[in-house]
PDB file of N, CA and C in Angstrom:
ATOM      1  N   LYS A   1      19.065   9.247  10.306  1.00  0.00           N
ATOM      2  CA  LYS A   1      19.057  10.380  11.223  1.00  0.00           C
ATOM      3  C   LYS A   1      18.605  11.663  10.538  1.00  0.00           C
ATOM      4  N   GLY A   2      18.701  11.695   9.215  1.00  0.00           N
ATOM      5  CA  GLY A   2      18.313  12.893   8.494  1.00  0.00           C
ATOM      6  C   GLY A   2      16.896  12.811   7.985  1.00  0.00           C
ATOM      7  N   PRO A   3      16.450  13.857   7.288  1.00  0.00           N
ATOM      8  CA  PRO A   3      15.097  13.852   6.726  1.00  0.00           C
ATOM      9  C   PRO A   3      14.951  12.797   5.631  1.00  0.00           C
ATOM     10  N   LEU A   4      13.725  12.301   5.484  1.00  0.00           N
ATOM     11  CA  LEU A   4      13.456  11.267   4.492  1.00  0.00           C
ATOM     12  C   LEU A   4      12.129  11.574   3.813  1.00  0.00           C
ATOM     13  N   ALA A   5      12.113  11.450   2.485  1.00  0.00           N
ATOM     14  CA  ALA A   5      10.883  11.630   1.718  1.00  0.00           C
ATOM     15  C   ALA A   5      10.709  10.409   0.820  1.00  0.00           C
ATOM     16  N   LEU A   6       9.460   9.953   0.682  1.00  0.00           N
ATOM     17  CA  LEU A   6       9.138   8.838  -0.197  1.00  0.00           C
ATOM     18  C   LEU A   6       8.186   9.328  -1.273  1.00  0.00           C
ATOM     19  N   LEU A   7       8.479   8.990  -2.517  1.00  0.00           N
ATOM     20  CA  LEU A   7       7.634   9.361  -3.632  1.00  0.00           C
ATOM     21  C   LEU A   7       6.796   8.151  -4.018  1.00  0.00           C
ATOM     22  N   VAL A   8       5.459   8.299  -3.992  1.00  0.00           N
ATOM     23  CA  VAL A   8       4.544   7.201  -4.312  1.00  0.00           C
ATOM     24  C   VAL A   8       3.498   7.686  -5.310  1.00  0.00           C
ATOM     25  N   ASN A   9       2.829   6.714  -5.974  1.00  0.00           N
ATOM     26  CA  ASN A   9       1.705   7.030  -6.860  1.00  0.00           C
ATOM     27  C   ASN A   9       0.780   5.823  -6.945  1.00  0.00           C
ATOM     28  N   ARG A  10      -0.170   5.826  -7.879  1.00  0.00           N
ATOM     29  CA  ARG A  10      -1.136   4.732  -8.015  1.00  0.00           C
ATOM     30  C   ARG A  10      -0.472   3.410  -8.392  1.00  0.00           C
ATOM     31  N   LEU A  11       0.749   3.443  -8.894  1.00  0.00           N
ATOM     32  CA  LEU A  11       1.450   2.208  -9.247  1.00  0.00           C
ATOM     33  C   LEU A  11       2.200   1.606  -8.057  1.00  0.00           C
ATOM     34  N   SER A  12       2.241   2.312  -6.928  1.00  0.00           N
ATOM     35  CA  SER A  12       2.871   1.792  -5.710  1.00  0.00           C
ATOM     36  C   SER A  12       1.878   0.853  -5.026  1.00  0.00           C
ATOM     37  N   ALA A  13       2.269  -0.409  -4.869  1.00  0.00           N
ATOM     38  CA  ALA A  13       1.341  -1.390  -4.304  1.00  0.00           C
ATOM     39  C   ALA A  13       2.072  -2.381  -3.407  1.00  0.00           C
ATOM     40  N   SER A  14       1.319  -3.038  -2.554  1.00  0.00           N
ATOM     41  CA  SER A  14       1.763  -4.151  -1.735  1.00  0.00           C
ATOM     42  C   SER A  14       2.915  -3.758  -0.803  1.00  0.00           C
ATOM     43  N   ALA A  15       4.112  -4.276  -1.032  1.00  0.00           N
ATOM     44  CA  ALA A  15       5.235  -4.044  -0.116  1.00  0.00           C
ATOM     45  C   ALA A  15       5.604  -2.563  -0.026  1.00  0.00           C
ATOM     46  N   SER A  16       5.535  -1.843  -1.140  1.00  0.00           N
ATOM     47  CA  SER A  16       5.866  -0.412  -1.087  1.00  0.00           C
ATOM     48  C   SER A  16       4.828   0.352  -0.273  1.00  0.00           C
ATOM     49  N   GLU A  17       3.576  -0.108  -0.282  1.00  0.00           N
ATOM     50  CA  GLU A  17       2.543   0.517   0.548  1.00  0.00           C
ATOM     51  C   GLU A  17       2.778   0.227   2.026  1.00  0.00           C
ATOM     52  N   ILE A  18       3.189  -0.973   2.338  1.00  0.00           N
ATOM     53  CA  ILE A  18       3.475  -1.330   3.727  1.00  0.00           C
ATOM     54  C   ILE A  18       4.604  -0.450   4.257  1.00  0.00           C
ATOM     55  N   PHE A  19       5.644  -0.301   3.451  1.00  0.00           N
ATOM     56  CA  PHE A  19       6.792   0.522   3.859  1.00  0.00           C
ATOM     57  C   PHE A  19       6.386   1.989   4.007  1.00  0.00           C
ATOM     58  N   ALA A  20       5.689   2.528   3.011  1.00  0.00           N
ATOM     59  CA  ALA A  20       5.278   3.934   3.060  1.00  0.00           C
ATOM     60  C   ALA A  20       4.345   4.183   4.248  1.00  0.00           C
ATOM     61  N   GLY A  21       3.421   3.261   4.491  1.00  0.00           N
ATOM     62  CA  GLY A  21       2.507   3.395   5.620  1.00  0.00           C
ATOM     63  C   GLY A  21       3.230   3.368   6.959  1.00  0.00           C
ATOM     64  N   ALA A  22       4.209   2.484   7.095  1.00  0.00           N
ATOM     65  CA  ALA A  22       4.975   2.398   8.341  1.00  0.00           C
ATOM     66  C   ALA A  22       5.791   3.668   8.566  1.00  0.00           C
ATOM     67  N   MET A  23       6.407   4.166   7.521  1.00  0.00           N
ATOM     68  CA  MET A  23       7.195   5.396   7.647  1.00  0.00           C
ATOM     69  C   MET A  23       6.304   6.586   8.005  1.00  0.00           C
ATOM     70  N   GLN A  24       5.091   6.611   7.445  1.00  0.00           N
ATOM     71  CA  GLN A  24       4.143   7.682   7.753  1.00  0.00           C
ATOM     72  C   GLN A  24       3.636   7.547   9.190  1.00  0.00           C
ATOM     73  N   ASP A  25       3.280   6.331   9.608  1.00  0.00           N
ATOM     74  CA  ASP A  25       2.756   6.106  10.956  1.00  0.00           C
ATOM     75  C   ASP A  25       3.782   6.418  12.038  1.00  0.00           C
ATOM     76  N   TYR A  26       5.056   6.130  11.776  1.00  0.00           N
ATOM     77  CA  TYR A  26       6.122   6.411  12.739  1.00  0.00           C
ATOM     78  C   TYR A  26       6.655   7.833  12.615  1.00  0.00           C
ATOM     79  N   HIS A  27       6.050   8.638  11.730  1.00  0.00           N
ATOM     80  CA  HIS A  27       6.488  10.021  11.491  1.00  0.00           C
ATOM     81  C   HIS A  27       7.975  10.075  11.140  1.00  0.00           C
ATOM     82  N   ARG A  28       8.403   9.084  10.381  1.00  0.00           N
ATOM     83  CA  ARG A  28       9.819   8.986  10.006  1.00  0.00           C
ATOM     84  C   ARG A  28      10.082   9.570   8.623  1.00  0.00           C
ATOM     85  N   ALA A  29       9.052   9.610   7.766  1.00  0.00           N
ATOM     86  CA  ALA A  29       9.246  10.114   6.406  1.00  0.00           C
ATOM     87  C   ALA A  29       8.039  10.936   5.982  1.00  0.00           C
ATOM     88  N   LEU A  30       8.281  11.826   5.053  1.00  0.00           N
ATOM     89  CA  LEU A  30       7.233  12.609   4.427  1.00  0.00           C
ATOM     90  C   LEU A  30       6.839  11.880   3.150  1.00  0.00           C
ATOM     91  N   ILE A  31       5.563  11.559   3.003  1.00  0.00           N
ATOM     92  CA  ILE A  31       5.085  10.840   1.826  1.00  0.00           C
ATOM     93  C   ILE A  31       4.613  11.868   0.806  1.00  0.00           C
ATOM     94  N   ILE A  32       5.197  11.813  -0.385  1.00  0.00           N
ATOM     95  CA  ILE A  32       4.928  12.781  -1.442  1.00  0.00           C
ATOM     96  C   ILE A  32       4.426  12.037  -2.675  1.00  0.00           C
ATOM     97  N   GLY A  33       3.482  12.626  -3.376  1.00  0.00           N
ATOM     98  CA  GLY A  33       3.004  12.038  -4.626  1.00  0.00           C
ATOM     99  C   GLY A  33       1.505  11.909  -4.633  1.00  0.00           C
ATOM    100  N   GLY A  34       1.026  10.728  -5.047  1.00  0.00           N
ATOM    101  CA  GLY A  34      -0.405  10.469  -5.122  1.00  0.00           C
ATOM    102  C   GLY A  34      -0.780   9.281  -4.269  1.00  0.00           C
ATOM    103  N   GLN A  35      -2.066   9.063  -4.147  1.00  0.00           N
ATOM    104  CA  GLN A  35      -2.593   7.916  -3.399  1.00  0.00           C
ATOM    105  C   GLN A  35      -2.054   6.628  -4.008  1.00  0.00           C
ATOM    106  N   THR A  36      -1.699   5.663  -3.176  1.00  0.00           N
ATOM    107  CA  THR A  36      -1.176   4.391  -3.667  1.00  0.00           C
ATOM    108  C   THR A  36      -2.318   3.477  -4.110  1.00  0.00           C
ATOM    109  N   PHE A  37      -1.984   2.328  -4.648  1.00  0.00           N
ATOM    110  CA  PHE A  37      -2.921   1.418  -5.289  1.00  0.00           C
ATOM    111  C   PHE A  37      -4.020   0.887  -4.364  1.00  0.00           C
ATOM    112  N   GLY A  38      -3.658   0.478  -3.167  1.00  0.00           N
ATOM    113  CA  GLY A  38      -4.649  -0.036  -2.217  1.00  0.00           C
ATOM    114  C   GLY A  38      -4.713  -1.543  -2.144  1.00  0.00           C
ATOM    115  N   LYS A  39      -3.574  -2.204  -2.320  1.00  0.00           N
ATOM    116  CA  LYS A  39      -3.545  -3.660  -2.199  1.00  0.00           C
ATOM    117  C   LYS A  39      -3.074  -4.003  -0.795  1.00  0.00           C
ATOM    118  N   GLY A  40      -3.964  -4.544  -0.010  1.00  0.00           N
ATOM    119  CA  GLY A  40      -3.631  -4.860   1.368  1.00  0.00           C
ATOM    120  C   GLY A  40      -3.942  -6.284   1.746  1.00  0.00           C
ATOM    121  N   THR A  41      -3.943  -7.191   0.756  1.00  0.00           N
ATOM    122  CA  THR A  41      -4.255  -8.582   1.048  1.00  0.00           C
ATOM    123  C   THR A  41      -3.246  -9.522   0.415  1.00  0.00           C
ATOM    124  N   VAL A  42      -3.172 -10.730   0.980  1.00  0.00           N
ATOM    125  CA  VAL A  42      -2.373 -11.818   0.420  1.00  0.00           C
ATOM    126  C   VAL A  42      -3.361 -12.816  -0.169  1.00  0.00           C
ATOM    127  N   GLN A  43      -3.202 -13.131  -1.445  1.00  0.00           N
ATOM    128  CA  GLN A  43      -4.139 -14.039  -2.102  1.00  0.00           C
ATOM    129  C   GLN A  43      -3.407 -15.200  -2.768  1.00  0.00           C
ATOM    130  N   THR A  44      -4.134 -16.278  -2.970  1.00  0.00           N
ATOM    131  CA  THR A  44      -3.611 -17.446  -3.671  1.00  0.00           C
ATOM    132  C   THR A  44      -4.706 -17.974  -4.598  1.00  0.00           C
ATOM    133  N   ILE A  45      -4.285 -18.663  -5.630  1.00  0.00           N
ATOM    134  CA  ILE A  45      -5.242 -19.252  -6.568  1.00  0.00           C
ATOM    135  C   ILE A  45      -5.205 -20.762  -6.411  1.00  0.00           C
ATOM    136  N   GLN A  46      -6.388 -21.340  -6.183  1.00  0.00           N
ATOM    137  CA  GLN A  46      -6.535 -22.786  -6.015  1.00  0.00           C
ATOM    138  C   GLN A  46      -7.157 -23.353  -7.288  1.00  0.00           C
ATOM    139  N   PRO A  47      -6.429 -24.209  -8.021  1.00  0.00           N
ATOM    140  CA  PRO A  47      -7.017 -24.785  -9.232  1.00  0.00           C
ATOM    141  C   PRO A  47      -8.163 -25.746  -8.905  1.00  0.00           C
ATOM    142  N   LEU A  48      -9.196 -25.705  -9.739  1.00  0.00           N
ATOM    143  CA  LEU A  48     -10.337 -26.611  -9.629  1.00  0.00           C
ATOM    144  C   LEU A  48     -10.460 -27.381 -10.938  1.00  0.00           C
ATOM    145  N   ASN A  49     -11.317 -28.371 -10.981  1.00  0.00           N
ATOM    146  CA  ASN A  49     -11.503 -29.155 -12.206  1.00  0.00           C
ATOM    147  C   ASN A  49     -11.953 -28.294 -13.384  1.00  0.00           C
ATOM    148  N   HIS A  50     -12.825 -27.334 -13.136  1.00  0.00           N
ATOM    149  CA  HIS A  50     -13.370 -26.494 -14.208  1.00  0.00           C
ATOM    150  C   HIS A  50     -13.150 -25.020 -13.890  1.00  0.00           C
ATOM    151  N   GLY A  51     -11.914 -24.645 -13.679  1.00  0.00           N
ATOM    152  CA  GLY A  51     -11.593 -23.249 -13.390  1.00  0.00           C
ATOM    153  C   GLY A  51     -10.659 -23.136 -12.210  1.00  0.00           C
ATOM    154  N   GLU A  52     -10.745 -22.023 -11.510  1.00  0.00           N
ATOM    155  CA  GLU A  52      -9.907 -21.802 -10.342  1.00  0.00           C
ATOM    156  C   GLU A  52     -10.640 -20.934  -9.326  1.00  0.00           C
ATOM    157  N   LEU A  53     -10.141 -20.960  -8.106  1.00  0.00           N
ATOM    158  CA  LEU A  53     -10.742 -20.243  -6.997  1.00  0.00           C
ATOM    159  C   LEU A  53      -9.675 -19.343  -6.383  1.00  0.00           C
ATOM    160  N   LYS A  54      -9.978 -18.057  -6.274  1.00  0.00           N
ATOM    161  CA  LYS A  54      -9.040 -17.126  -5.640  1.00  0.00           C
ATOM    162  C   LYS A  54      -9.419 -16.985  -4.169  1.00  0.00           C
ATOM    163  N   LEU A  55      -8.455 -17.263  -3.289  1.00  0.00           N
ATOM    164  CA  LEU A  55      -8.687 -17.200  -1.847  1.00  0.00           C
ATOM    165  C   LEU A  55      -7.859 -16.079  -1.235  1.00  0.00           C
ATOM    166  N   THR A  56      -8.464 -15.312  -0.352  1.00  0.00           N
ATOM    167  CA  THR A  56      -7.737 -14.299   0.405  1.00  0.00           C
ATOM    168  C   THR A  56      -7.281 -14.946   1.704  1.00  0.00           C
ATOM    169  N   LEU A  57      -5.964 -14.961   1.919  1.00  0.00           N
ATOM    170  CA  LEU A  57      -5.388 -15.640   3.083  1.00  0.00           C
ATOM    171  C   LEU A  57      -5.120 -14.709   4.258  1.00  0.00           C
ATOM    172  N   ALA A  58      -4.778 -13.447   3.957  1.00  0.00           N
ATOM    173  CA  ALA A  58      -4.412 -12.522   5.032  1.00  0.00           C
ATOM    174  C   ALA A  58      -4.644 -11.095   4.580  1.00  0.00           C
ATOM    175  N   LYS A  59      -4.697 -10.200   5.548  1.00  0.00           N
ATOM    176  CA  LYS A  59      -4.861  -8.782   5.271  1.00  0.00           C
ATOM    177  C   LYS A  59      -3.763  -8.026   6.000  1.00  0.00           C
ATOM    178  N   PHE A  60      -3.135  -7.059   5.308  1.00  0.00           N
ATOM    179  CA  PHE A  60      -2.084  -6.246   5.911  1.00  0.00           C
ATOM    180  C   PHE A  60      -2.707  -5.126   6.734  1.00  0.00           C
ATOM    181  N   TYR A  61      -2.107  -4.835   7.883  1.00  0.00           N
ATOM    182  CA  TYR A  61      -2.523  -3.700   8.695  1.00  0.00           C
ATOM    183  C   TYR A  61      -1.319  -2.821   8.975  1.00  0.00           C
ATOM    184  N   ARG A  62      -1.557  -1.524   9.002  1.00  0.00           N
ATOM    185  CA  ARG A  62      -0.503  -0.556   9.294  1.00  0.00           C
ATOM    186  C   ARG A  62      -0.267  -0.483  10.795  1.00  0.00           C
ATOM    187  N   VAL A  63       0.789   0.201  11.202  1.00  0.00           N
ATOM    188  CA  VAL A  63       1.106   0.390  12.611  1.00  0.00           C
ATOM    189  C   VAL A  63      -0.058   1.093  13.312  1.00  0.00           C
ATOM    190  N   SER A  64      -0.732   1.993  12.595  1.00  0.00           N
ATOM    191  CA  SER A  64      -1.861   2.741  13.153  1.00  0.00           C
ATOM    192  C   SER A  64      -3.102   1.873  13.332  1.00  0.00           C
ATOM    193  N   GLY A  65      -3.105   0.665  12.757  1.00  0.00           N
ATOM    194  CA  GLY A  65      -4.257  -0.219  12.826  1.00  0.00           C
ATOM    195  C   GLY A  65      -5.123  -0.165  11.585  1.00  0.00           C
ATOM    196  N   GLN A  66      -4.895   0.810  10.717  1.00  0.00           N
ATOM    197  CA  GLN A  66      -5.637   0.912   9.467  1.00  0.00           C
ATOM    198  C   GLN A  66      -5.122  -0.116   8.467  1.00  0.00           C
ATOM    199  N   SER A  67      -5.919  -0.389   7.463  1.00  0.00           N
ATOM    200  CA  SER A  67      -5.515  -1.270   6.379  1.00  0.00           C
ATOM    201  C   SER A  67      -5.257  -0.435   5.133  1.00  0.00           C
ATOM    202  N   THR A  68      -4.371  -0.915   4.265  1.00  0.00           N
ATOM    203  CA  THR A  68      -4.135  -0.231   2.992  1.00  0.00           C
ATOM    204  C   THR A  68      -5.127  -0.692   1.927  1.00  0.00           C
ATOM    205  N   GLN A  69      -5.966  -1.682   2.246  1.00  0.00           N
ATOM    206  CA  GLN A  69      -6.912  -2.217   1.268  1.00  0.00           C
ATOM    207  C   GLN A  69      -7.869  -1.129   0.790  1.00  0.00           C
ATOM    208  N   HIS A  70      -8.026  -1.011  -0.504  1.00  0.00           N
ATOM    209  CA  HIS A  70      -8.913  -0.079  -1.203  1.00  0.00           C
ATOM    210  C   HIS A  70      -8.416   1.369  -1.175  1.00  0.00           C
ATOM    211  N   GLN A  71      -8.122   1.934  -0.022  1.00  0.00           N
ATOM    212  CA  GLN A  71      -7.759   3.348   0.050  1.00  0.00           C
ATOM    213  C   GLN A  71      -6.271   3.577  -0.207  1.00  0.00           C
ATOM    214  N   GLY A  72      -5.427   2.624   0.113  1.00  0.00           N
ATOM    215  CA  GLY A  72      -3.995   2.812  -0.047  1.00  0.00           C
ATOM    216  C   GLY A  72      -3.433   3.752   1.011  1.00  0.00           C
ATOM    217  N   VAL A  73      -2.286   4.341   0.693  1.00  0.00           N
ATOM    218  CA  VAL A  73      -1.645   5.313   1.571  1.00  0.00           C
ATOM    219  C   VAL A  73      -1.875   6.688   0.961  1.00  0.00           C
ATOM    220  N   LEU A  74      -2.400   7.595   1.746  1.00  0.00           N
ATOM    221  CA  LEU A  74      -2.616   8.957   1.271  1.00  0.00           C
ATOM    222  C   LEU A  74      -1.366   9.781   1.548  1.00  0.00           C
ATOM    223  N   PRO A  75      -0.877  10.527   0.554  1.00  0.00           N
ATOM    224  CA  PRO A  75       0.360  11.279   0.743  1.00  0.00           C
ATOM    225  C   PRO A  75       0.169  12.462   1.693  1.00  0.00           C
ATOM    226  N   ASP A  76       1.269  12.870   2.329  1.00  0.00           N
ATOM    227  CA  ASP A  76       1.257  14.078   3.159  1.00  0.00           C
ATOM    228  C   ASP A  76       1.230  15.314   2.256  1.00  0.00           C
ATOM    229  N   ILE A  77       1.932  15.225   1.136  1.00  0.00           N
ATOM    230  CA  ILE A  77       1.964  16.299   0.146  1.00  0.00           C
ATOM    231  C   ILE A  77       1.544  15.716  -1.185  1.00  0.00           C
ATOM    232  N   ASP A  78       0.412  16.196  -1.692  1.00  0.00           N
ATOM    233  CA  ASP A  78      -0.095  15.702  -2.982  1.00  0.00           C
ATOM    234  C   ASP A  78       0.705  16.333  -4.106  1.00  0.00           C
ATOM    235  N   TYR A  79       1.202  15.502  -5.006  1.00  0.00           N
ATOM    236  CA  TYR A  79       1.991  15.972  -6.139  1.00  0.00           C
ATOM    237  C   TYR A  79       1.383  15.369  -7.395  1.00  0.00           C
ATOM    238  N   PRO A  80       1.008  16.192  -8.378  1.00  0.00           N
ATOM    239  CA  PRO A  80       0.332  15.666  -9.561  1.00  0.00           C
ATOM    240  C   PRO A  80       1.196  14.676 -10.335  1.00  0.00           C
ATOM    241  N   SER A  81       0.532  13.700 -10.959  1.00  0.00           N
ATOM    242  CA  SER A  81       1.222  12.680 -11.726  1.00  0.00           C
ATOM    243  C   SER A  81       0.718  12.705 -13.159  1.00  0.00           C
ATOM    244  N   ILE A  82       1.579  12.332 -14.096  1.00  0.00           N
ATOM    245  CA  ILE A  82       1.142  12.282 -15.492  1.00  0.00           C
ATOM    246  C   ILE A  82       0.486  10.950 -15.806  1.00  0.00           C
ATOM    247  N   ILE A  83       0.533   9.999 -14.850  1.00  0.00           N
ATOM    248  CA  ILE A  83      -0.062   8.675 -15.053  1.00  0.00           C
ATOM    249  C   ILE A  83      -1.501   8.690 -14.597  1.00  0.00           C
TER     250      ILE A  83
END
């Protein structure tokens, strides 16, 4: 019921991006920090006789319909990071 802020940076990926994106899309939290990593896919590795094959099985989409792939979640308030 109260105010909520989430701190994110380039090391925030996958599930944390999904959560931050949902909170931003629902206007439930203020996202503070830097742009997130941009991982918006589910992948698996299939072993082969002479190596392996990486397959993309699914792509995550935000409530707004956007994907976090490549761009990640952009913060509402940019805060510099030492990383």
